[in-house]
N, C-alpha and C. Protein backbone atom coordinates (compact mmCIF):
# COMPACT_ATOMS: atom_id res chain seq x y z
N MET A 1 103.83 124.27 74.34
CA MET A 1 103.45 123.68 75.47
C MET A 1 104.30 122.13 75.23
N ARG A 2 104.38 121.90 76.64
CA ARG A 2 105.15 120.36 76.75
C ARG A 2 103.81 119.24 76.74
N ASP A 3 104.31 118.03 76.55
CA ASP A 3 103.69 116.87 76.59
C ASP A 3 103.88 116.34 78.10
N MET A 4 102.49 115.89 78.40
CA MET A 4 103.09 115.38 79.82
C MET A 4 103.45 113.82 79.78
N ILE A 5 104.29 113.67 80.75
CA ILE A 5 105.13 112.20 80.83
C ILE A 5 104.85 111.56 81.91
N SER A 6 104.27 110.45 82.12
CA SER A 6 103.83 109.79 83.33
C SER A 6 105.21 109.28 83.49
N CYS A 7 105.44 108.73 85.21
CA CYS A 7 106.46 107.84 85.70
C CYS A 7 106.65 106.80 85.06
N GLU A 8 105.84 105.94 84.71
CA GLU A 8 105.98 104.61 83.92
C GLU A 8 106.78 104.97 82.46
N GLU A 9 106.53 106.14 81.85
CA GLU A 9 107.38 106.19 80.80
C GLU A 9 108.61 106.60 80.65
N VAL A 10 108.98 107.21 81.84
CA VAL A 10 110.37 107.26 81.84
C VAL A 10 110.90 106.28 82.54
N PHE A 11 110.28 105.59 83.55
CA PHE A 11 111.30 104.48 83.72
C PHE A 11 111.01 103.30 82.83
N GLU A 12 110.22 103.20 81.80
CA GLU A 12 110.31 102.03 80.68
C GLU A 12 111.62 101.69 80.26
N ALA A 13 112.40 102.89 80.00
CA ALA A 13 113.82 102.66 79.32
C ALA A 13 115.08 102.35 80.17
N ASP A 14 114.53 102.66 81.28
CA ASP A 14 115.79 102.49 82.39
C ASP A 14 115.26 101.40 83.73
N ALA A 15 115.89 100.10 83.72
CA ALA A 15 115.00 99.19 84.63
C ALA A 15 116.18 100.03 85.92
N PHE A 16 117.02 100.18 85.64
CA PHE A 16 118.02 100.69 87.03
C PHE A 16 117.35 101.61 87.69
N ALA A 17 116.97 102.60 87.22
CA ALA A 17 116.31 103.95 87.56
C ALA A 17 115.01 103.68 88.34
N ARG A 18 114.22 102.44 87.89
CA ARG A 18 112.95 102.13 88.32
C ARG A 18 113.13 101.02 89.45
N ALA A 19 114.18 100.36 89.77
CA ALA A 19 114.46 100.01 90.93
C ALA A 19 114.95 100.76 91.98
N GLU A 20 115.65 101.73 91.77
CA GLU A 20 116.45 102.69 92.68
C GLU A 20 115.22 103.32 93.18
N PHE A 21 114.25 104.06 92.35
CA PHE A 21 112.87 104.72 92.57
C PHE A 21 112.11 104.01 93.69
N ASP A 22 111.77 102.58 93.51
CA ASP A 22 111.20 101.87 94.07
C ASP A 22 112.26 101.57 95.62
N VAL A 23 113.40 101.48 95.77
CA VAL A 23 113.75 101.50 96.77
C VAL A 23 113.77 102.66 97.50
N VAL A 24 113.79 103.91 96.87
CA VAL A 24 113.61 105.01 97.59
C VAL A 24 112.12 105.10 98.44
N CYS A 25 110.92 104.92 97.48
CA CYS A 25 109.56 104.73 98.25
C CYS A 25 109.49 103.65 98.72
N ASP A 26 109.95 102.83 99.06
CA ASP A 26 109.92 101.74 100.06
C ASP A 26 110.44 102.34 101.34
N GLU A 27 111.61 102.97 101.31
CA GLU A 27 112.15 103.71 102.77
C GLU A 27 111.19 104.92 103.06
N TRP A 28 110.93 105.60 102.15
CA TRP A 28 109.82 106.64 102.55
C TRP A 28 108.43 105.92 103.18
N LEU A 29 108.10 105.12 102.78
CA LEU A 29 106.89 103.92 103.29
C LEU A 29 107.14 103.53 104.70
N ASN A 30 108.42 103.43 104.99
CA ASN A 30 108.67 102.33 106.32
C ASN A 30 108.78 103.60 107.33
N GLU A 31 109.42 104.80 106.75
CA GLU A 31 109.63 105.80 107.60
C GLU A 31 108.51 106.47 107.98
N SER A 32 107.39 106.49 107.25
CA SER A 32 105.98 107.12 107.54
C SER A 32 105.14 106.23 108.54
N ILE A 33 105.75 104.75 108.19
CA ILE A 33 104.90 103.80 109.39
C ILE A 33 105.31 103.99 110.52
N LEU A 34 107.02 103.65 110.57
CA LEU A 34 107.56 104.11 112.20
C LEU A 34 106.93 105.31 112.60
N ALA A 35 106.71 106.67 112.01
CA ALA A 35 106.46 108.03 112.67
C ALA A 35 104.75 107.68 113.33
N GLN A 36 103.85 107.13 112.30
CA GLN A 36 102.74 106.59 112.78
C GLN A 36 102.74 106.08 113.95
N ASP A 37 103.60 104.75 114.05
CA ASP A 37 103.49 104.03 115.41
C ASP A 37 103.88 105.05 116.59
N ALA A 38 104.95 105.70 116.41
CA ALA A 38 105.32 106.61 117.60
C ALA A 38 104.56 107.49 117.89
N GLU A 39 103.77 108.02 116.93
CA GLU A 39 102.33 109.29 117.42
C GLU A 39 101.37 108.19 118.33
N GLU A 40 101.47 107.05 118.13
CA GLU A 40 100.20 106.33 118.61
C GLU A 40 100.88 106.01 120.18
N ASP A 41 101.86 106.41 120.54
CA ASP A 41 102.68 106.43 121.82
C ASP A 41 102.41 107.59 122.69
N LEU A 42 101.97 108.50 122.20
CA LEU A 42 101.76 109.96 122.85
C LEU A 42 100.39 110.17 123.74
N VAL A 43 100.56 110.90 124.70
CA VAL A 43 99.30 111.12 125.63
C VAL A 43 99.69 112.81 125.42
N GLU A 44 98.37 113.56 125.69
CA GLU A 44 98.02 114.76 125.96
C GLU A 44 97.68 115.51 127.42
N CYS A 45 98.60 116.29 127.58
CA CYS A 45 98.67 116.87 128.97
C CYS A 45 97.20 117.77 128.79
N GLU A 46 96.40 117.46 129.76
CA GLU A 46 95.22 118.42 130.30
C GLU A 46 95.84 119.72 131.15
N GLY A 47 97.01 119.96 131.40
CA GLY A 47 96.86 121.06 131.79
C GLY A 47 97.67 121.96 130.84
N CYS A 48 98.41 121.76 129.76
CA CYS A 48 99.07 122.76 128.79
C CYS A 48 98.48 122.00 127.42
N GLY A 49 97.85 121.06 127.19
CA GLY A 49 97.56 120.67 126.00
C GLY A 49 98.91 120.14 125.10
N GLU A 50 100.14 119.89 125.31
CA GLU A 50 101.03 119.47 124.56
C GLU A 50 100.89 117.93 124.94
N GLN A 51 102.11 117.30 124.09
CA GLN A 51 101.72 116.29 123.70
C GLN A 51 103.50 115.44 124.28
N TRP A 52 103.04 114.50 124.78
CA TRP A 52 104.26 113.83 125.47
C TRP A 52 104.12 112.27 125.02
N PHE A 53 105.39 111.57 125.20
CA PHE A 53 105.48 110.13 124.98
C PHE A 53 104.77 109.69 126.58
N ARG A 54 104.14 108.53 125.99
CA ARG A 54 103.30 107.82 127.06
C ARG A 54 104.11 107.31 128.71
N PRO A 55 103.73 107.52 129.41
CA PRO A 55 104.51 107.24 130.79
C PRO A 55 104.44 105.51 130.84
N GLU A 56 105.39 104.93 130.95
CA GLU A 56 105.32 103.22 131.22
C GLU A 56 104.35 102.87 132.46
N GLY A 57 103.42 102.15 131.90
CA GLY A 57 102.34 101.63 132.72
C GLY A 57 101.13 102.89 132.74
N HIS A 58 100.83 103.76 132.11
CA HIS A 58 100.06 104.51 131.80
C HIS A 58 99.41 104.01 130.71
N THR A 59 97.68 103.85 131.01
CA THR A 59 96.98 103.34 130.14
C THR A 59 96.03 104.36 129.34
N GLY A 60 95.79 105.48 129.83
CA GLY A 60 94.80 106.88 129.53
C GLY A 60 95.25 107.35 128.31
N ASP A 61 94.74 108.07 127.75
CA ASP A 61 95.05 108.92 126.46
C ASP A 61 95.74 110.44 127.16
N THR A 62 95.38 110.90 128.33
CA THR A 62 95.62 112.02 128.76
C THR A 62 96.42 112.00 130.16
N ILE A 63 97.09 112.91 130.34
CA ILE A 63 97.82 113.08 131.82
C ILE A 63 97.44 114.56 132.33
N ASP A 64 97.28 114.21 133.57
CA ASP A 64 96.89 115.61 134.30
C ASP A 64 98.02 116.46 134.32
N TRP A 65 99.28 116.63 134.35
CA TRP A 65 100.57 117.28 134.70
C TRP A 65 101.18 116.81 133.71
N CYS A 66 102.48 117.81 133.20
CA CYS A 66 103.78 117.24 132.52
C CYS A 66 104.80 117.99 133.11
N ARG A 67 105.81 117.63 132.94
CA ARG A 67 107.24 118.56 132.96
C ARG A 67 106.88 119.97 132.66
N LYS A 68 106.55 120.57 131.73
CA LYS A 68 106.55 121.96 131.58
C LYS A 68 105.37 122.35 132.52
N CYS A 69 104.07 122.10 132.89
CA CYS A 69 102.98 122.49 134.19
C CYS A 69 103.73 122.40 135.15
N TYR A 70 104.56 121.37 135.55
CA TYR A 70 105.22 121.31 137.02
C TYR A 70 106.32 122.33 137.02
N LYS A 71 107.04 122.76 135.72
CA LYS A 71 108.02 123.61 136.03
C LYS A 71 107.28 125.16 136.05
N ASN A 72 106.42 125.43 135.14
CA ASN A 72 105.77 126.74 135.57
C ASN A 72 105.11 126.80 136.93
N ASP A 73 105.02 125.95 137.56
CA ASP A 73 104.16 126.08 138.95
C ASP A 73 104.83 126.86 140.05
N PRO A 74 104.70 128.09 140.16
CA PRO A 74 105.02 129.17 141.10
C PRO A 74 105.81 128.45 142.64
N TYR A 75 105.27 127.24 142.88
CA TYR A 75 105.83 126.49 144.08
C TYR A 75 107.33 125.52 143.71
N TYR A 76 107.32 125.60 142.73
CA TYR A 76 108.22 124.74 141.95
C TYR A 76 110.00 125.15 141.99
N CYS A 77 110.64 124.49 142.96
CA CYS A 77 111.92 124.90 143.50
C CYS A 77 113.21 124.09 142.94
């Protein structure tokens, strides 16, 4: 059976590897923060339930129709 080794034990002997690991973790953290910020700018279509980027000047969390609903309209030309 193998012994469990923690991350701290791995990086204890190699300071360069620890620094590189910290840089990668910071990048992932920044990417996740940006993704969360982007999610806040979405609105939900009441017609089809899909999420779209918030139109400029729109303050609500939902929109009545979207491009998908509009194109599925039988009278759309």
